């Protein structure tokens, strides 16, 4: 993502992606959007569309 968006190599020591994912999460919540972005430990992030997120809430 970092290379494709900003055009340079990603320094794993920075939390730049974490910060921007946090911004997007807050914007989704503020808009009342049921979709979410999950953290997948050791991998990165996963976008969960609203319909799948609703199914998860109904199953739990």
Protein backbone atom coordinates (compact mmCIF):
# COMPACT_ATOMS: atom_id res chain seq x y z
CA UNK A 1 0.00 0.00 0.00
CA UNK A 2 2.70 2.44 1.00
CA UNK A 3 4.68 1.95 -2.20
CA UNK A 4 1.59 2.13 -4.41
CA UNK A 5 0.14 5.22 -2.74
CA UNK A 6 3.21 7.27 -1.87
CA UNK A 7 5.64 5.80 -4.41
CA UNK A 8 8.47 4.85 -2.10
CA UNK A 9 9.63 2.02 0.07
CA UNK A 10 7.89 1.53 3.41
CA UNK A 11 9.88 1.80 6.62
CA UNK A 12 8.43 -0.84 8.96
CA UNK A 13 9.54 1.26 11.91
CA UNK A 14 6.94 3.92 11.19
CA UNK A 15 3.29 3.86 12.19
CA UNK A 16 2.13 5.93 9.21
CA UNK A 17 -0.23 3.26 7.89
CA UNK A 18 -1.65 2.65 11.39
CA UNK A 19 -2.40 6.35 11.75
CA UNK A 20 -4.22 6.57 8.42
CA UNK A 21 -6.16 3.37 9.05
CA UNK A 22 -7.28 4.95 12.33
CA UNK A 23 -8.46 8.05 10.44
CA UNK A 24 -10.46 5.90 8.03
CA UNK A 25 -11.97 3.87 10.89
CA UNK A 26 -13.12 7.06 12.63
CA UNK A 27 -14.59 8.43 9.41
CA UNK A 28 -16.50 5.19 8.80
CA UNK A 29 -17.87 5.28 12.35
CA UNK A 30 -18.80 8.98 12.15
CA UNK A 31 -20.69 8.31 8.93
CA UNK A 32 -22.61 5.49 10.60
CA UNK A 33 -21.12 3.01 8.17
CA UNK A 34 -21.39 -0.63 9.24
CA UNK A 35 -18.29 -1.61 7.26
CA UNK A 36 -15.09 -1.88 9.23
CA UNK A 37 -11.36 -2.38 8.92
CA UNK A 38 -9.99 -5.23 11.01
CA UNK A 39 -6.40 -5.65 12.09
CA UNK A 40 -5.02 -9.04 11.09
CA UNK A 41 -2.06 -9.60 13.35
CA UNK A 42 1.14 -10.39 11.49
CA UNK A 43 -0.51 -9.69 8.13
CA UNK A 44 -1.99 -6.19 7.99
CA UNK A 45 -5.57 -5.06 7.60
CA UNK A 46 -8.78 -6.49 6.22
CA UNK A 47 -11.77 -4.51 4.96
CA UNK A 48 -15.06 -6.02 6.10
CA UNK A 49 -18.01 -4.84 3.98
CA UNK A 50 -21.19 -3.75 5.76
CA UNK A 51 -23.16 -6.88 4.85
CA UNK A 52 -20.45 -9.19 6.21
CA UNK A 53 -20.06 -7.06 9.35
CA UNK A 54 -23.83 -7.33 9.93
CA UNK A 55 -23.66 -11.12 9.54
CA UNK A 56 -20.85 -11.25 12.12
CA UNK A 57 -22.95 -9.23 14.59
CA UNK A 58 -25.95 -11.50 14.07
CA UNK A 59 -23.88 -14.67 14.54
CA UNK A 60 -22.20 -13.46 17.73
